[in-house]
Amino acid sequence: MSDLTIAAVLEFYGADLTRVAATGWRSIHCPFHDDKHVSGRVNLELGAFKCHGCEAYGDAISLIEQREGLDFRGACEWSETILGASHQGIHEPAKKRKTRKRSVWRHTLFD
């Protein structure tokens, strides 16, 4: 089993990465929608992708989540089954920080 990479996911969905260098951001045709112009950018070193047309973005797991409609665990299982890729070292991102509640004092002062 190979490690899961952004390149493996993008190539599975039809992106042509032949002209993409190993470092830095490079423009590609987005594999997630039909576009005639280059609208996606990928950085293989960082493992990140962003499309300015359909606004798909993220790393390998988040692209699988967006494309297949799966949660984190489902995307990991999908990558193992379909791509034969290991997701060793990939951890579910921490939940977004909750916004702080307004202070009780603020409520009493400004009402």
PDB file of N, CA and C in Angstrom:
ATOM      1  N   MET A   1       0.836  -1.188   0.000  1.00  0.00           N
ATOM      2  CA  MET A   1       0.000   0.000   0.000  1.00  0.00           C
ATOM      3  C   MET A   1       0.874   1.243   0.000  1.00  0.00           C
ATOM      4  N   SER A   2       0.553   2.177  -0.850  1.00  0.00           N
ATOM      5  CA  SER A   2       1.289   3.436  -0.876  1.00  0.00           C
ATOM      6  C   SER A   2       0.556   4.472  -0.033  1.00  0.00           C
ATOM      7  N   ASP A   3       1.275   5.524   0.316  1.00  0.00           N
ATOM      8  CA  ASP A   3       0.660   6.599   1.083  1.00  0.00           C
ATOM      9  C   ASP A   3      -0.299   7.381   0.193  1.00  0.00           C
ATOM     10  N   LEU A   4      -1.337   7.907   0.796  1.00  0.00           N
ATOM     11  CA  LEU A   4      -2.323   8.710   0.079  1.00  0.00           C
ATOM     12  C   LEU A   4      -1.718  10.080  -0.230  1.00  0.00           C
ATOM     13  N   THR A   5      -1.779  10.469  -1.497  1.00  0.00           N
ATOM     14  CA  THR A   5      -1.254  11.773  -1.909  1.00  0.00           C
ATOM     15  C   THR A   5      -2.318  12.535  -2.679  1.00  0.00           C
ATOM     16  N   ILE A   6      -2.136  13.844  -2.740  1.00  0.00           N
ATOM     17  CA  ILE A   6      -3.050  14.691  -3.500  1.00  0.00           C
ATOM     18  C   ILE A   6      -2.956  14.338  -4.983  1.00  0.00           C
ATOM     19  N   ALA A   7      -1.775  13.975  -5.438  1.00  0.00           N
ATOM     20  CA  ALA A   7      -1.582  13.608  -6.849  1.00  0.00           C
ATOM     21  C   ALA A   7      -2.405  12.373  -7.197  1.00  0.00           C
ATOM     22  N   ALA A   8      -2.420  11.372  -6.316  1.00  0.00           N
ATOM     23  CA  ALA A   8      -3.179  10.150  -6.582  1.00  0.00           C
ATOM     24  C   ALA A   8      -4.670  10.442  -6.695  1.00  0.00           C
ATOM     25  N   VAL A   9      -5.178  11.297  -5.829  1.00  0.00           N
ATOM     26  CA  VAL A   9      -6.606  11.633  -5.849  1.00  0.00           C
ATOM     27  C   VAL A   9      -6.954  12.422  -7.100  1.00  0.00           C
ATOM     28  N   LEU A  10      -6.160  13.434  -7.432  1.00  0.00           N
ATOM     29  CA  LEU A  10      -6.439  14.248  -8.606  1.00  0.00           C
ATOM     30  C   LEU A  10      -6.327  13.436  -9.891  1.00  0.00           C
ATOM     31  N   GLU A  11      -5.341  12.559  -9.983  1.00  0.00           N
ATOM     32  CA  GLU A  11      -5.208  11.720 -11.174  1.00  0.00           C
ATOM     33  C   GLU A  11      -6.368  10.743 -11.287  1.00  0.00           C
ATOM     34  N   PHE A  12      -6.864  10.214 -10.159  1.00  0.00           N
ATOM     35  CA  PHE A  12      -8.018   9.326 -10.188  1.00  0.00           C
ATOM     36  C   PHE A  12      -9.228  10.033 -10.784  1.00  0.00           C
ATOM     37  N   TYR A  13      -9.395  11.310 -10.436  1.00  0.00           N
ATOM     38  CA  TYR A  13     -10.532  12.071 -10.940  1.00  0.00           C
ATOM     39  C   TYR A  13     -10.265  12.708 -12.298  1.00  0.00           C
ATOM     40  N   GLY A  14      -9.125  12.432 -12.906  1.00  0.00           N
ATOM     41  CA  GLY A  14      -8.889  12.841 -14.282  1.00  0.00           C
ATOM     42  C   GLY A  14      -8.014  14.050 -14.506  1.00  0.00           C
ATOM     43  N   ALA A  15      -7.341  14.543 -13.497  1.00  0.00           N
ATOM     44  CA  ALA A  15      -6.452  15.693 -13.694  1.00  0.00           C
ATOM     45  C   ALA A  15      -5.173  15.253 -14.388  1.00  0.00           C
ATOM     46  N   ASP A  16      -4.676  16.088 -15.269  1.00  0.00           N
ATOM     47  CA  ASP A  16      -3.422  15.812 -15.957  1.00  0.00           C
ATOM     48  C   ASP A  16      -2.303  16.520 -15.204  1.00  0.00           C
ATOM     49  N   LEU A  17      -1.492  15.742 -14.512  1.00  0.00           N
ATOM     50  CA  LEU A  17      -0.419  16.312 -13.703  1.00  0.00           C
ATOM     51  C   LEU A  17       0.946  16.165 -14.367  1.00  0.00           C
ATOM     52  N   THR A  18       0.982  15.884 -15.644  1.00  0.00           N
ATOM     53  CA  THR A  18       2.258  15.650 -16.305  1.00  0.00           C
ATOM     54  C   THR A  18       3.128  16.899 -16.368  1.00  0.00           C
ATOM     55  N   ARG A  19       2.510  18.064 -16.426  1.00  0.00           N
ATOM     56  CA  ARG A  19       3.284  19.301 -16.510  1.00  0.00           C
ATOM     57  C   ARG A  19       3.450  19.972 -15.153  1.00  0.00           C
ATOM     58  N   VAL A  20       3.103  19.291 -14.083  1.00  0.00           N
ATOM     59  CA  VAL A  20       3.210  19.877 -12.757  1.00  0.00           C
ATOM     60  C   VAL A  20       4.551  19.503 -12.148  1.00  0.00           C
ATOM     61  N   ALA A  21       5.319  20.483 -11.761  1.00  0.00           N
ATOM     62  CA  ALA A  21       6.605  20.235 -11.124  1.00  0.00           C
ATOM     63  C   ALA A  21       6.392  19.742  -9.699  1.00  0.00           C
ATOM     64  N   ALA A  22       7.427  19.242  -9.099  1.00  0.00           N
ATOM     65  CA  ALA A  22       7.318  18.669  -7.762  1.00  0.00           C
ATOM     66  C   ALA A  22       7.160  19.729  -6.674  1.00  0.00           C
ATOM     67  N   THR A  23       7.556  20.956  -6.939  1.00  0.00           N
ATOM     68  CA  THR A  23       7.449  21.994  -5.910  1.00  0.00           C
ATOM     69  C   THR A  23       6.711  23.203  -6.455  1.00  0.00           C
ATOM     70  N   GLY A  24       6.095  23.950  -5.586  1.00  0.00           N
ATOM     71  CA  GLY A  24       5.419  25.186  -5.958  1.00  0.00           C
ATOM     72  C   GLY A  24       4.029  24.951  -6.521  1.00  0.00           C
ATOM     73  N   TRP A  25       3.261  26.009  -6.580  1.00  0.00           N
ATOM     74  CA  TRP A  25       1.897  25.966  -7.114  1.00  0.00           C
ATOM     75  C   TRP A  25       1.940  25.932  -8.620  1.00  0.00           C
ATOM     76  N   ARG A  26       1.156  25.055  -9.210  1.00  0.00           N
ATOM     77  CA  ARG A  26       1.060  24.928 -10.652  1.00  0.00           C
ATOM     78  C   ARG A  26      -0.398  24.915 -11.063  1.00  0.00           C
ATOM     79  N   SER A  27      -0.694  25.482 -12.196  1.00  0.00           N
ATOM     80  CA  SER A  27      -2.065  25.535 -12.702  1.00  0.00           C
ATOM     81  C   SER A  27      -2.417  24.248 -13.432  1.00  0.00           C
ATOM     82  N   ILE A  28      -3.650  23.773 -13.225  1.00  0.00           N
ATOM     83  CA  ILE A  28      -4.145  22.580 -13.917  1.00  0.00           C
ATOM     84  C   ILE A  28      -5.625  22.781 -14.232  1.00  0.00           C
ATOM     85  N   HIS A  29      -6.146  21.957 -15.124  1.00  0.00           N
ATOM     86  CA  HIS A  29      -7.588  21.932 -15.358  1.00  0.00           C
ATOM     87  C   HIS A  29      -8.220  21.205 -14.182  1.00  0.00           C
ATOM     88  N   CYS A  30      -9.264  21.764 -13.628  1.00  0.00           N
ATOM     89  CA  CYS A  30      -9.930  21.161 -12.478  1.00  0.00           C
ATOM     90  C   CYS A  30     -10.645  19.881 -12.902  1.00  0.00           C
ATOM     91  N   PRO A  31     -10.404  18.774 -12.201  1.00  0.00           N
ATOM     92  CA  PRO A  31     -11.066  17.526 -12.544  1.00  0.00           C
ATOM     93  C   PRO A  31     -12.482  17.411 -11.989  1.00  0.00           C
ATOM     94  N   PHE A  32     -12.919  18.395 -11.224  1.00  0.00           N
ATOM     95  CA  PHE A  32     -14.216  18.310 -10.570  1.00  0.00           C
ATOM     96  C   PHE A  32     -15.342  18.973 -11.346  1.00  0.00           C
ATOM     97  N   HIS A  33     -15.017  19.675 -12.411  1.00  0.00           N
ATOM     98  CA  HIS A  33     -16.053  20.272 -13.257  1.00  0.00           C
ATOM     99  C   HIS A  33     -15.488  20.440 -14.654  1.00  0.00           C
ATOM    100  N   ASP A  34     -16.363  20.632 -15.613  1.00  0.00           N
ATOM    101  CA  ASP A  34     -15.929  20.845 -16.994  1.00  0.00           C
ATOM    102  C   ASP A  34     -15.478  22.289 -17.155  1.00  0.00           C
ATOM    103  N   ASP A  35     -14.207  22.444 -17.458  1.00  0.00           N
ATOM    104  CA  ASP A  35     -13.743  23.804 -17.723  1.00  0.00           C
ATOM    105  C   ASP A  35     -12.811  23.785 -18.926  1.00  0.00           C
ATOM    106  N   LYS A  36     -12.894  24.836 -19.706  1.00  0.00           N
ATOM    107  CA  LYS A  36     -12.058  24.951 -20.889  1.00  0.00           C
ATOM    108  C   LYS A  36     -10.763  25.689 -20.568  1.00  0.00           C
ATOM    109  N   HIS A  37     -10.771  26.435 -19.492  1.00  0.00           N
ATOM    110  CA  HIS A  37      -9.605  27.205 -19.089  1.00  0.00           C
ATOM    111  C   HIS A  37      -9.041  26.622 -17.801  1.00  0.00           C
ATOM    112  N   VAL A  38      -7.783  26.851 -17.594  1.00  0.00           N
ATOM    113  CA  VAL A  38      -7.132  26.384 -16.376  1.00  0.00           C
ATOM    114  C   VAL A  38      -7.704  27.159 -15.195  1.00  0.00           C
ATOM    115  N   SER A  39      -8.286  26.438 -14.255  1.00  0.00           N
ATOM    116  CA  SER A  39      -8.883  27.128 -13.110  1.00  0.00           C
ATOM    117  C   SER A  39      -8.403  26.554 -11.778  1.00  0.00           C
ATOM    118  N   GLY A  40      -7.712  25.439 -11.808  1.00  0.00           N
ATOM    119  CA  GLY A  40      -7.252  24.822 -10.570  1.00  0.00           C
ATOM    120  C   GLY A  40      -5.769  25.017 -10.368  1.00  0.00           C
ATOM    121  N   ARG A  41      -5.369  24.985  -9.104  1.00  0.00           N
ATOM    122  CA  ARG A  41      -3.955  25.085  -8.748  1.00  0.00           C
ATOM    123  C   ARG A  41      -3.640  23.986  -7.755  1.00  0.00           C
ATOM    124  N   VAL A  42      -2.476  23.376  -7.914  1.00  0.00           N
ATOM    125  CA  VAL A  42      -2.078  22.298  -7.032  1.00  0.00           C
ATOM    126  C   VAL A  42      -0.634  22.527  -6.587  1.00  0.00           C
ATOM    127  N   ASN A  43      -0.360  22.169  -5.342  1.00  0.00           N
ATOM    128  CA  ASN A  43       0.992  22.185  -4.814  1.00  0.00           C
ATOM    129  C   ASN A  43       1.262  20.789  -4.282  1.00  0.00           C
ATOM    130  N   LEU A  44       2.051  20.022  -5.017  1.00  0.00           N
ATOM    131  CA  LEU A  44       2.312  18.638  -4.635  1.00  0.00           C
ATOM    132  C   LEU A  44       3.145  18.544  -3.371  1.00  0.00           C
ATOM    133  N   GLU A  45       3.992  19.520  -3.151  1.00  0.00           N
ATOM    134  CA  GLU A  45       4.829  19.510  -1.952  1.00  0.00           C
ATOM    135  C   GLU A  45       3.981  19.712  -0.692  1.00  0.00           C
ATOM    136  N   LEU A  46       3.034  20.640  -0.759  1.00  0.00           N
ATOM    137  CA  LEU A  46       2.154  20.904   0.381  1.00  0.00           C
ATOM    138  C   LEU A  46       0.970  19.942   0.432  1.00  0.00           C
ATOM    139  N   GLY A  47       0.670  19.307  -0.691  1.00  0.00           N
ATOM    140  CA  GLY A  47      -0.487  18.414  -0.749  1.00  0.00           C
ATOM    141  C   GLY A  47      -1.795  19.173  -0.746  1.00  0.00           C
ATOM    142  N   ALA A  48      -1.820  20.311  -1.433  1.00  0.00           N
ATOM    143  CA  ALA A  48      -3.005  21.172  -1.411  1.00  0.00           C
ATOM    144  C   ALA A  48      -3.499  21.441  -2.831  1.00  0.00           C
ATOM    145  N   PHE A  49      -4.828  21.645  -2.946  1.00  0.00           N
ATOM    146  CA  PHE A  49      -5.472  21.926  -4.221  1.00  0.00           C
ATOM    147  C   PHE A  49      -6.512  23.007  -4.018  1.00  0.00           C
ATOM    148  N   LYS A  50      -6.668  23.867  -5.034  1.00  0.00           N
ATOM    149  CA  LYS A  50      -7.686  24.924  -4.990  1.00  0.00           C
ATOM    150  C   LYS A  50      -8.170  25.184  -6.398  1.00  0.00           C
ATOM    151  N   CYS A  51      -9.486  25.197  -6.588  1.00  0.00           N
ATOM    152  CA  CYS A  51     -10.070  25.562  -7.871  1.00  0.00           C
ATOM    153  C   CYS A  51     -10.818  26.872  -7.695  1.00  0.00           C
ATOM    154  N   HIS A  52     -10.543  27.814  -8.573  1.00  0.00           N
ATOM    155  CA  HIS A  52     -11.218  29.110  -8.492  1.00  0.00           C
ATOM    156  C   HIS A  52     -12.553  29.099  -9.226  1.00  0.00           C
ATOM    157  N   GLY A  53     -12.829  28.038  -9.979  1.00  0.00           N
ATOM    158  CA  GLY A  53     -14.097  27.920 -10.697  1.00  0.00           C
ATOM    159  C   GLY A  53     -15.195  27.331  -9.832  1.00  0.00           C
ATOM    160  N   CYS A  54     -14.972  26.115  -9.327  1.00  0.00           N
ATOM    161  CA  CYS A  54     -16.002  25.438  -8.527  1.00  0.00           C
ATOM    162  C   CYS A  54     -15.749  25.553  -7.030  1.00  0.00           C
ATOM    163  N   GLU A  55     -14.638  26.181  -6.659  1.00  0.00           N
ATOM    164  CA  GLU A  55     -14.263  26.430  -5.281  1.00  0.00           C
ATOM    165  C   GLU A  55     -13.986  25.165  -4.483  1.00  0.00           C
ATOM    166  N   ALA A  56     -13.624  24.077  -5.153  1.00  0.00           N
ATOM    167  CA  ALA A  56     -13.149  22.886  -4.452  1.00  0.00           C
ATOM    168  C   ALA A  56     -11.750  23.198  -3.935  1.00  0.00           C
ATOM    169  N   TYR A  57     -11.440  22.764  -2.729  1.00  0.00           N
ATOM    170  CA  TYR A  57     -10.114  23.014  -2.178  1.00  0.00           C
ATOM    171  C   TYR A  57      -9.826  22.009  -1.077  1.00  0.00           C
ATOM    172  N   GLY A  58      -8.572  21.896  -0.739  1.00  0.00           N
ATOM    173  CA  GLY A  58      -8.184  21.083   0.393  1.00  0.00           C
ATOM    174  C   GLY A  58      -7.071  20.109   0.080  1.00  0.00           C
ATOM    175  N   ASP A  59      -6.953  19.130   0.975  1.00  0.00           N
ATOM    176  CA  ASP A  59      -5.957  18.082   0.803  1.00  0.00           C
ATOM    177  C   ASP A  59      -6.632  16.857   0.204  1.00  0.00           C
ATOM    178  N   ALA A  60      -5.918  15.747   0.147  1.00  0.00           N
ATOM    179  CA  ALA A  60      -6.434  14.545  -0.505  1.00  0.00           C
ATOM    180  C   ALA A  60      -7.730  14.061   0.138  1.00  0.00           C
ATOM    181  N   ILE A  61      -7.774  13.985   1.450  1.00  0.00           N
ATOM    182  CA  ILE A  61      -8.964  13.484   2.151  1.00  0.00           C
ATOM    183  C   ILE A  61     -10.147  14.425   1.968  1.00  0.00           C
ATOM    184  N   SER A  62      -9.916  15.729   2.086  1.00  0.00           N
ATOM    185  CA  SER A  62     -11.047  16.658   1.962  1.00  0.00           C
ATOM    186  C   SER A  62     -11.602  16.678   0.534  1.00  0.00           C
ATOM    187  N   LEU A  63     -10.750  16.452  -0.474  1.00  0.00           N
ATOM    188  CA  LEU A  63     -11.267  16.375  -1.839  1.00  0.00           C
ATOM    189  C   LEU A  63     -12.140  15.141  -2.025  1.00  0.00           C
ATOM    190  N   ILE A  64     -11.748  14.030  -1.431  1.00  0.00           N
ATOM    191  CA  ILE A  64     -12.581  12.817  -1.484  1.00  0.00           C
ATOM    192  C   ILE A  64     -13.899  13.071  -0.760  1.00  0.00           C
ATOM    193  N   GLU A  65     -13.838  13.728   0.389  1.00  0.00           N
ATOM    194  CA  GLU A  65     -15.059  14.055   1.138  1.00  0.00           C
ATOM    195  C   GLU A  65     -16.008  14.883   0.273  1.00  0.00           C
ATOM    196  N   GLN A  66     -15.483  15.922  -0.381  1.00  0.00           N
ATOM    197  CA  GLN A  66     -16.310  16.811  -1.200  1.00  0.00           C
ATOM    198  C   GLN A  66     -16.867  16.086  -2.414  1.00  0.00           C
ATOM    199  N   ARG A  67     -16.041  15.315  -3.093  1.00  0.00           N
ATOM    200  CA  ARG A  67     -16.453  14.669  -4.342  1.00  0.00           C
ATOM    201  C   ARG A  67     -17.421  13.507  -4.113  1.00  0.00           C
ATOM    202  N   GLU A  68     -17.163  12.708  -3.086  1.00  0.00           N
ATOM    203  CA  GLU A  68     -17.959  11.503  -2.843  1.00  0.00           C
ATOM    204  C   GLU A  68     -19.064  11.715  -1.814  1.00  0.00           C
ATOM    205  N   GLY A  69     -19.078  12.861  -1.148  1.00  0.00           N
ATOM    206  CA  GLY A  69     -20.097  13.129  -0.133  1.00  0.00           C
ATOM    207  C   GLY A  69     -19.917  12.279   1.114  1.00  0.00           C
ATOM    208  N   LEU A  70     -18.672  12.066   1.516  1.00  0.00           N
ATOM    209  CA  LEU A  70     -18.364  11.213   2.662  1.00  0.00           C
ATOM    210  C   LEU A  70     -17.853  12.037   3.831  1.00  0.00           C
ATOM    211  N   ASP A  71     -17.872  11.429   5.015  1.00  0.00           N
ATOM    212  CA  ASP A  71     -17.232  12.058   6.155  1.00  0.00           C
ATOM    213  C   ASP A  71     -15.764  11.614   6.175  1.00  0.00           C
ATOM    214  N   PHE A  72     -15.013  12.031   7.190  1.00  0.00           N
ATOM    215  CA  PHE A  72     -13.581  11.739   7.254  1.00  0.00           C
ATOM    216  C   PHE A  72     -13.309  10.242   7.230  1.00  0.00           C
ATOM    217  N   ARG A  73     -13.987   9.509   8.075  1.00  0.00           N
ATOM    218  CA  ARG A  73     -13.766   8.066   8.149  1.00  0.00           C
ATOM    219  C   ARG A  73     -14.132   7.385   6.824  1.00  0.00           C
ATOM    220  N   GLY A  74     -15.244   7.782   6.232  1.00  0.00           N
ATOM    221  CA  GLY A  74     -15.656   7.224   4.953  1.00  0.00           C
ATOM    222  C   GLY A  74     -14.647   7.513   3.852  1.00  0.00           C
ATOM    223  N   ALA A  75     -14.066   8.721   3.864  1.00  0.00           N
ATOM    224  CA  ALA A  75     -13.070   9.083   2.863  1.00  0.00           C
ATOM    225  C   ALA A  75     -11.799   8.253   3.029  1.00  0.00           C
ATOM    226  N   CYS A  76     -11.422   7.975   4.274  1.00  0.00           N
ATOM    227  CA  CYS A  76     -10.250   7.127   4.524  1.00  0.00           C
ATOM    228  C   CYS A  76     -10.498   5.707   4.029  1.00  0.00           C
ATOM    229  N   GLU A  77     -11.674   5.179   4.311  1.00  0.00           N
ATOM    230  CA  GLU A  77     -12.008   3.828   3.850  1.00  0.00           C
ATOM    231  C   GLU A  77     -12.089   3.782   2.323  1.00  0.00           C
ATOM    232  N   TRP A  78     -12.655   4.811   1.714  1.00  0.00           N
ATOM    233  CA  TRP A  78     -12.755   4.888   0.264  1.00  0.00           C
ATOM    234  C   TRP A  78     -11.362   4.890  -0.355  1.00  0.00           C
ATOM    235  N   SER A  79     -10.443   5.675   0.225  1.00  0.00           N
ATOM    236  CA  SER A  79      -9.092   5.752  -0.334  1.00  0.00           C
ATOM    237  C   SER A  79      -8.376   4.410  -0.235  1.00  0.00           C
ATOM    238  N   GLU A  80      -8.622   3.657   0.836  1.00  0.00           N
ATOM    239  CA  GLU A  80      -8.019   2.333   0.958  1.00  0.00           C
ATOM    240  C   GLU A  80      -8.601   1.373  -0.069  1.00  0.00           C
ATOM    241  N   THR A  81      -9.918   1.397  -0.225  1.00  0.00           N
ATOM    242  CA  THR A  81     -10.591   0.461  -1.118  1.00  0.00           C
ATOM    243  C   THR A  81     -10.341   0.787  -2.585  1.00  0.00           C
ATOM    244  N   ILE A  82     -10.557   2.024  -2.983  1.00  0.00           N
ATOM    245  CA  ILE A  82     -10.495   2.408  -4.387  1.00  0.00           C
ATOM    246  C   ILE A  82      -9.064   2.663  -4.854  1.00  0.00           C
ATOM    247  N   LEU A  83      -8.302   3.424  -4.085  1.00  0.00           N
ATOM    248  CA  LEU A  83      -6.959   3.798  -4.503  1.00  0.00           C
ATOM    249  C   LEU A  83      -5.880   2.854  -3.975  1.00  0.00           C
ATOM    250  N   GLY A  84      -6.238   2.013  -3.000  1.00  0.00           N
ATOM    251  CA  GLY A  84      -5.244   1.142  -2.386  1.00  0.00           C
ATOM    252  C   GLY A  84      -4.198   1.918  -1.623  1.00  0.00           C
ATOM    253  N   ALA A  85      -4.605   3.047  -1.065  1.00  0.00           N
ATOM    254  CA  ALA A  85      -3.663   3.939  -0.389  1.00  0.00           C
ATOM    255  C   ALA A  85      -3.806   3.843   1.119  1.00  0.00           C
ATOM    256  N   SER A  86      -2.684   3.912   1.779  1.00  0.00           N
ATOM    257  CA  SER A  86      -2.655   3.914   3.239  1.00  0.00           C
ATOM    258  C   SER A  86      -2.835   5.342   3.726  1.00  0.00           C
ATOM    259  N   HIS A  87      -3.539   5.492   4.823  1.00  0.00           N
ATOM    260  CA  HIS A  87      -3.685   6.838   5.389  1.00  0.00           C
ATOM    261  C   HIS A  87      -3.019   6.893   6.752  1.00  0.00           C
ATOM    262  N   GLN A  88      -1.853   6.253   6.845  1.00  0.00           N
ATOM    263  CA  GLN A  88      -1.064   6.311   8.076  1.00  0.00           C
ATOM    264  C   GLN A  88      -0.638   7.745   8.333  1.00  0.00           C
ATOM    265  N   GLY A  89      -0.777   8.201   9.533  1.00  0.00           N
ATOM    266  CA  GLY A  89      -0.357   9.550   9.887  1.00  0.00           C
ATOM    267  C   GLY A  89      -1.371  10.629   9.565  1.00  0.00           C
ATOM    268  N   ILE A  90      -2.496  10.269   8.946  1.00  0.00           N
ATOM    269  CA  ILE A  90      -3.530  11.256   8.664  1.00  0.00           C
ATOM    270  C   ILE A  90      -4.539  11.192   9.803  1.00  0.00           C
ATOM    271  N   HIS A  91      -4.757  12.310  10.432  1.00  0.00           N
ATOM    272  CA  HIS A  91      -5.679  12.363  11.562  1.00  0.00           C
ATOM    273  C   HIS A  91      -6.823  13.306  11.247  1.00  0.00           C
ATOM    274  N   GLU A  92      -7.962  12.991  11.826  1.00  0.00           N
ATOM    275  CA  GLU A  92      -9.126  13.846  11.639  1.00  0.00           C
ATOM    276  C   GLU A  92      -8.823  15.219  12.226  1.00  0.00           C
ATOM    277  N   PRO A  93      -9.146  16.299  11.499  1.00  0.00           N
ATOM    278  CA  PRO A  93      -8.858  17.635  12.008  1.00  0.00           C
ATOM    279  C   PRO A  93      -9.672  17.925  13.265  1.00  0.00           C
ATOM    280  N   ALA A  94      -9.076  18.727  14.124  1.00  0.00           N
ATOM    281  CA  ALA A  94      -9.776  19.113  15.345  1.00  0.00           C
ATOM    282  C   ALA A  94     -11.015  19.901  14.973  1.00  0.00           C
ATOM    283  N   LYS A  95     -12.048  19.763  15.792  1.00  0.00           N
ATOM    284  CA  LYS A  95     -13.275  20.500  15.520  1.00  0.00           C
ATOM    285  C   LYS A  95     -13.005  21.990  15.623  1.00  0.00           C
ATOM    286  N   LYS A  96     -13.770  22.736  14.852  1.00  0.00           N
ATOM    287  CA  LYS A  96     -13.594  24.180  14.850  1.00  0.00           C
ATOM    288  C   LYS A  96     -13.836  24.726  16.247  1.00  0.00           C
ATOM    289  N   ARG A  97     -13.045  25.703  16.562  1.00  0.00           N
ATOM    290  CA  ARG A  97     -13.163  26.322  17.875  1.00  0.00           C
ATOM    291  C   ARG A  97     -14.510  27.017  17.997  1.00  0.00           C
ATOM    292  N   LYS A  98     -15.176  26.784  19.100  1.00  0.00           N
ATOM    293  CA  LYS A  98     -16.469  27.424  19.322  1.00  0.00           C
ATOM    294  C   LYS A  98     -16.260  28.901  19.593  1.00  0.00           C
ATOM    295  N   THR A  99     -17.194  29.690  19.109  1.00  0.00           N
ATOM    296  CA  THR A  99     -17.103  31.118  19.377  1.00  0.00           C
ATOM    297  C   THR A  99     -17.439  31.351  20.850  1.00  0.00           C
ATOM    298  N   ARG A 100     -16.754  32.316  21.398  1.00  0.00           N
ATOM    299  CA  ARG A 100     -16.984  32.599  22.816  1.00  0.00           C
ATOM    300  C   ARG A 100     -18.341  33.254  23.017  1.00  0.00           C
ATOM    301  N   LYS A 101     -18.963  32.874  24.082  1.00  0.00           N
ATOM    302  CA  LYS A 101     -20.228  33.513  24.414  1.00  0.00           C
ATOM    303  C   LYS A 101     -19.946  34.893  24.969  1.00  0.00           C
ATOM    304  N   ARG A 102     -20.877  35.778  24.762  1.00  0.00           N
ATOM    305  CA  ARG A 102     -20.709  37.121  25.292  1.00  0.00           C
ATOM    306  C   ARG A 102     -20.717  37.087  26.814  1.00  0.00           C
ATOM    307  N   SER A 103     -19.985  37.967  27.343  1.00  0.00           N
ATOM    308  CA  SER A 103     -19.884  38.060  28.783  1.00  0.00           C
ATOM    309  C   SER A 103     -21.231  38.451  29.395  1.00  0.00           C
ATOM    310  N   VAL A 104     -21.476  37.952  30.581  1.00  0.00           N
ATOM    311  CA  VAL A 104     -22.695  38.311  31.299  1.00  0.00           C
ATOM    312  C   VAL A 104     -22.695  39.816  31.562  1.00  0.00           C
ATOM    313  N   TRP A 105     -21.523  40.372  31.823  1.00  0.00           N
ATOM    314  CA  TRP A 105     -21.426  41.798  32.095  1.00  0.00           C
ATOM    315  C   TRP A 105     -21.803  42.626  30.874  1.00  0.00           C
ATOM    316  N   ARG A 106     -21.401  42.182  29.708  1.00  0.00           N
ATOM    317  CA  ARG A 106     -21.738  42.911  28.484  1.00  0.00           C
ATOM    318  C   ARG A 106     -23.260  42.981  28.323  1.00  0.00           C
ATOM    319  N   HIS A 107     -23.924  41.908  28.607  1.00  0.00           N
ATOM    320  CA  HIS A 107     -25.369  41.853  28.498  1.00  0.00           C
ATOM    321  C   HIS A 107     -26.027  42.869  29.446  1.00  0.00           C
ATOM    322  N   THR A 108     -25.538  42.951  30.642  1.00  0.00           N
ATOM    323  CA  THR A 108     -26.159  43.875  31.608  1.00  0.00           C
ATOM    324  C   THR A 108     -25.805  45.336  31.325  1.00  0.00           C
ATOM    325  N   LEU A 109     -24.652  45.572  30.746  1.00  0.00           N
ATOM    326  CA  LEU A 109     -24.229  46.947  30.500  1.00  0.00           C
ATOM    327  C   LEU A 109     -24.910  47.575  29.283  1.00  0.00           C
ATOM    328  N   PHE A 110     -25.186  46.772  28.250  1.00  0.00           N
ATOM    329  CA  PHE A 110     -25.656  47.350  26.997  1.00  0.00           C
ATOM    330  C   PHE A 110     -27.114  47.089  26.689  1.00  0.00           C
ATOM    331  N   ASP A 111     -27.875  46.563  27.598  1.00  0.00           N
ATOM    332  CA  ASP A 111     -29.313  46.360  27.355  1.00  0.00           C
ATOM    333  C   ASP A 111     -30.121  47.498  27.895  1.00  0.00           C
TER     334      ASP A 111
END
